[in-house]
Amino acid sequence: MILFPKKVYEMIILRLVLDILYTFLGLVGLWAVVSIIYSFTVTEKVYKKSSWLARIIAVVTTWGSMFFTRSKVTVLGKEKIPTDTRFVYVANHVSRFDPMVAMYKLSRSRVAFISKP
């Protein structure tokens, strides 16, 4: 076994940490670019059908937000929600983050949202 000075080990660890950080920031940047490019394709306010790409972007973005903020949401009675048909989820929103969390937690269901200005 070859022993290196302590300084070399510190440099290797620092390089590894920086590589992980740069990879993470690169993936977040790539995700932001894809989301922004996709947002330019949305032109109508009335949607006739659900977009699978928009749903994936919303679910993954919400998952990342909840993961990095260490937020935890518990859903009670999720087994009563239909998975084979669409339904409308009506709620009194405490914040603008609520619809995203509902879409994330109910991602296996075909949830439709209604909003007003």
C-alpha atoms as a PDB file:
ATOM      1  CA  MET A   1       0.000   0.000   0.000  1.00  0.00           C
ATOM      2  CA  ILE A   2       1.353   3.392  -0.989  1.00  0.00           C
ATOM      3  CA  LEU A   3       0.976   6.114   1.602  1.00  0.00           C
ATOM      4  CA  PHE A   4       0.624   9.691   0.458  1.00  0.00           C
ATOM      5  CA  PRO A   5       1.009  12.812   2.521  1.00  0.00           C
ATOM      6  CA  LYS A   6      -2.126  14.068   4.256  1.00  0.00           C
ATOM      7  CA  LYS A   7      -2.299  17.021   1.841  1.00  0.00           C
ATOM      8  CA  VAL A   8      -2.817  14.674  -1.126  1.00  0.00           C
ATOM      9  CA  TYR A   9      -5.779  12.958   0.573  1.00  0.00           C
ATOM     10  CA  GLU A  10      -7.308  16.345   1.369  1.00  0.00           C
ATOM     11  CA  MET A  11      -6.955  17.385  -2.280  1.00  0.00           C
ATOM     12  CA  ILE A  12      -8.575  14.144  -3.475  1.00  0.00           C
ATOM     13  CA  ILE A  13     -11.532  14.582  -1.099  1.00  0.00           C
ATOM     14  CA  LEU A  14     -11.917  18.234  -2.074  1.00  0.00           C
ATOM     15  CA  ARG A  15     -11.852  17.306  -5.766  1.00  0.00           C
ATOM     16  CA  LEU A  16     -14.466  14.592  -5.200  1.00  0.00           C
ATOM     17  CA  VAL A  17     -16.776  16.978  -3.311  1.00  0.00           C
ATOM     18  CA  LEU A  18     -16.399  19.642  -6.015  1.00  0.00           C
ATOM     19  CA  ASP A  19     -17.076  17.096  -8.781  1.00  0.00           C
ATOM     20  CA  ILE A  20     -20.287  16.003  -7.047  1.00  0.00           C
ATOM     21  CA  LEU A  21     -21.325  19.631  -6.544  1.00  0.00           C
ATOM     22  CA  TYR A  22     -20.633  20.588 -10.177  1.00  0.00           C
ATOM     23  CA  THR A  23     -22.493  17.523 -11.437  1.00  0.00           C
ATOM     24  CA  PHE A  24     -25.493  18.401  -9.268  1.00  0.00           C
ATOM     25  CA  LEU A  25     -25.471  22.033 -10.407  1.00  0.00           C
ATOM     26  CA  GLY A  26     -25.138  20.922 -14.023  1.00  0.00           C
ATOM     27  CA  LEU A  27     -28.152  18.619 -13.712  1.00  0.00           C
ATOM     28  CA  VAL A  28     -30.210  21.354 -12.046  1.00  0.00           C
ATOM     29  CA  GLY A  29     -29.204  23.762 -14.815  1.00  0.00           C
ATOM     30  CA  LEU A  30     -30.109  21.240 -17.497  1.00  0.00           C
ATOM     31  CA  TRP A  31     -33.460  20.631 -15.824  1.00  0.00           C
ATOM     32  CA  ALA A  32     -34.095  24.397 -15.708  1.00  0.00           C
ATOM     33  CA  VAL A  33     -33.261  24.774 -19.406  1.00  0.00           C
ATOM     34  CA  VAL A  34     -35.600  21.903 -20.375  1.00  0.00           C
ATOM     35  CA  SER A  35     -38.387  23.357 -18.222  1.00  0.00           C
ATOM     36  CA  ILE A  36     -37.971  26.841 -19.677  1.00  0.00           C
ATOM     37  CA  ILE A  37     -37.886  25.566 -23.267  1.00  0.00           C
ATOM     38  CA  TYR A  38     -41.013  23.501 -22.608  1.00  0.00           C
ATOM     39  CA  SER A  39     -42.792  26.514 -21.092  1.00  0.00           C
ATOM     40  CA  PHE A  40     -42.413  28.375 -24.405  1.00  0.00           C
ATOM     41  CA  THR A  41     -44.484  25.690 -26.150  1.00  0.00           C
ATOM     42  CA  VAL A  42     -47.500  26.297 -23.912  1.00  0.00           C
ATOM     43  CA  THR A  43     -49.700  28.807 -25.728  1.00  0.00           C
ATOM     44  CA  GLU A  44     -53.304  28.098 -24.723  1.00  0.00           C
ATOM     45  CA  LYS A  45     -54.880  28.646 -21.346  1.00  0.00           C
ATOM     46  CA  VAL A  46     -57.664  26.109 -21.968  1.00  0.00           C
ATOM     47  CA  TYR A  47     -56.317  22.597 -22.137  1.00  0.00           C
ATOM     48  CA  LYS A  48     -58.237  19.876 -23.928  1.00  0.00           C
ATOM     49  CA  LYS A  49     -56.046  17.033 -22.660  1.00  0.00           C
ATOM     50  CA  SER A  50     -53.333  16.427 -20.112  1.00  0.00           C
ATOM     51  CA  SER A  51     -49.694  16.744 -21.185  1.00  0.00           C
ATOM     52  CA  TRP A  52     -47.528  13.885 -19.969  1.00  0.00           C
ATOM     53  CA  LEU A  53     -44.352  15.982 -20.266  1.00  0.00           C
ATOM     54  CA  ALA A  54     -45.801  18.821 -18.178  1.00  0.00           C
ATOM     55  CA  ARG A  55     -46.903  16.319 -15.541  1.00  0.00           C
ATOM     56  CA  ILE A  56     -43.418  14.739 -15.395  1.00  0.00           C
ATOM     57  CA  ILE A  57     -41.734  18.146 -15.129  1.00  0.00           C
ATOM     58  CA  ALA A  58     -44.102  19.197 -12.323  1.00  0.00           C
ATOM     59  CA  VAL A  59     -43.719  15.948 -10.369  1.00  0.00           C
ATOM     60  CA  VAL A  60     -39.901  15.825 -10.614  1.00  0.00           C
ATOM     61  CA  THR A  61     -39.546  19.526  -9.797  1.00  0.00           C
ATOM     62  CA  THR A  62     -41.815  19.166  -6.768  1.00  0.00           C
ATOM     63  CA  TRP A  63     -39.973  16.043  -5.637  1.00  0.00           C
ATOM     64  CA  GLY A  64     -36.659  17.928  -5.839  1.00  0.00           C
ATOM     65  CA  SER A  65     -38.073  20.898  -3.946  1.00  0.00           C
ATOM     66  CA  MET A  66     -39.467  18.685  -1.209  1.00  0.00           C
ATOM     67  CA  PHE A  67     -36.314  16.574  -1.000  1.00  0.00           C
ATOM     68  CA  PHE A  68     -33.910  19.491  -0.651  1.00  0.00           C
ATOM     69  CA  THR A  69     -36.101  21.410   1.788  1.00  0.00           C
ATOM     70  CA  ARG A  70     -36.672  18.216   3.790  1.00  0.00           C
ATOM     71  CA  SER A  71     -40.432  18.721   3.594  1.00  0.00           C
ATOM     72  CA  LYS A  72     -42.629  15.777   4.464  1.00  0.00           C
ATOM     73  CA  VAL A  73     -46.289  15.441   3.485  1.00  0.00           C
ATOM     74  CA  THR A  74     -48.555  12.659   4.713  1.00  0.00           C
ATOM     75  CA  VAL A  75     -51.732  11.809   2.801  1.00  0.00           C
ATOM     76  CA  LEU A  76     -54.506  10.044   4.698  1.00  0.00           C
ATOM     77  CA  GLY A  77     -57.174   8.139   2.737  1.00  0.00           C
ATOM     78  CA  LYS A  78     -55.131   7.896  -0.472  1.00  0.00           C
ATOM     79  CA  GLU A  79     -56.511   4.396  -1.101  1.00  0.00           C
ATOM     80  CA  LYS A  80     -59.997   5.893  -1.640  1.00  0.00           C
ATOM     81  CA  ILE A  81     -58.856   7.975  -4.614  1.00  0.00           C
ATOM     82  CA  PRO A  82     -59.773   6.490  -8.022  1.00  0.00           C
ATOM     83  CA  THR A  83     -56.854   5.629 -10.292  1.00  0.00           C
ATOM     84  CA  ASP A  84     -58.804   4.584 -13.389  1.00  0.00           C
ATOM     85  CA  THR A  85     -60.786   7.811 -13.992  1.00  0.00           C
ATOM     86  CA  ARG A  86     -60.156  11.534 -13.832  1.00  0.00           C
ATOM     87  CA  PHE A  87     -61.460  13.540 -10.927  1.00  0.00           C
ATOM     88  CA  VAL A  88     -61.383  17.101  -9.693  1.00  0.00           C
ATOM     89  CA  TYR A  89     -59.414  17.922  -6.584  1.00  0.00           C
ATOM     90  CA  VAL A  90     -60.922  20.920  -4.792  1.00  0.00           C
ATOM     91  CA  ALA A  91     -59.072  22.507  -1.885  1.00  0.00           C
ATOM     92  CA  ASN A  92     -58.646  25.708   0.040  1.00  0.00           C
ATOM     93  CA  HIS A  93     -55.039  26.495  -0.677  1.00  0.00           C
ATOM     94  CA  VAL A  94     -52.846  27.761   2.092  1.00  0.00           C
ATOM     95  CA  SER A  95     -50.112  28.633  -0.391  1.00  0.00           C
ATOM     96  CA  ARG A  96     -49.291  28.502  -4.093  1.00  0.00           C
ATOM     97  CA  PHE A  97     -47.235  25.391  -3.396  1.00  0.00           C
ATOM     98  CA  ASP A  98     -50.321  23.282  -2.550  1.00  0.00           C
ATOM     99  CA  PRO A  99     -51.301  22.296  -6.133  1.00  0.00           C
ATOM    100  CA  MET A 100     -47.753  21.125  -6.833  1.00  0.00           C
ATOM    101  CA  VAL A 101     -47.689  18.998  -3.687  1.00  0.00           C
ATOM    102  CA  ALA A 102     -51.121  17.549  -4.544  1.00  0.00           C
ATOM    103  CA  MET A 103     -49.947  16.696  -8.064  1.00  0.00           C
ATOM    104  CA  TYR A 104     -46.805  15.077  -6.665  1.00  0.00           C
ATOM    105  CA  LYS A 105     -48.538  13.055  -3.960  1.00  0.00           C
ATOM    106  CA  LEU A 106     -51.378  12.018  -6.292  1.00  0.00           C
ATOM    107  CA  SER A 107     -49.124  11.408  -9.309  1.00  0.00           C
ATOM    108  CA  ARG A 108     -50.554   7.928  -9.946  1.00  0.00           C
ATOM    109  CA  SER A 109     -54.051   9.388 -10.263  1.00  0.00           C
ATOM    110  CA  ARG A 110     -55.344  11.490 -13.131  1.00  0.00           C
ATOM    111  CA  VAL A 111     -55.963  14.666 -11.176  1.00  0.00           C
ATOM    112  CA  ALA A 112     -57.524  17.699 -12.860  1.00  0.00           C
ATOM    113  CA  PHE A 113     -57.247  21.180 -11.389  1.00  0.00           C
ATOM    114  CA  ILE A 114     -59.569  24.146 -11.657  1.00  0.00           C
ATOM    115  CA  SER A 115     -58.349  27.625 -10.819  1.00  0.00           C
ATOM    116  CA  LYS A 116     -59.642  31.141 -10.856  1.00  0.00           C
ATOM    117  CA  PRO A 117     -57.820  34.452 -11.112  1.00  0.00           C
END
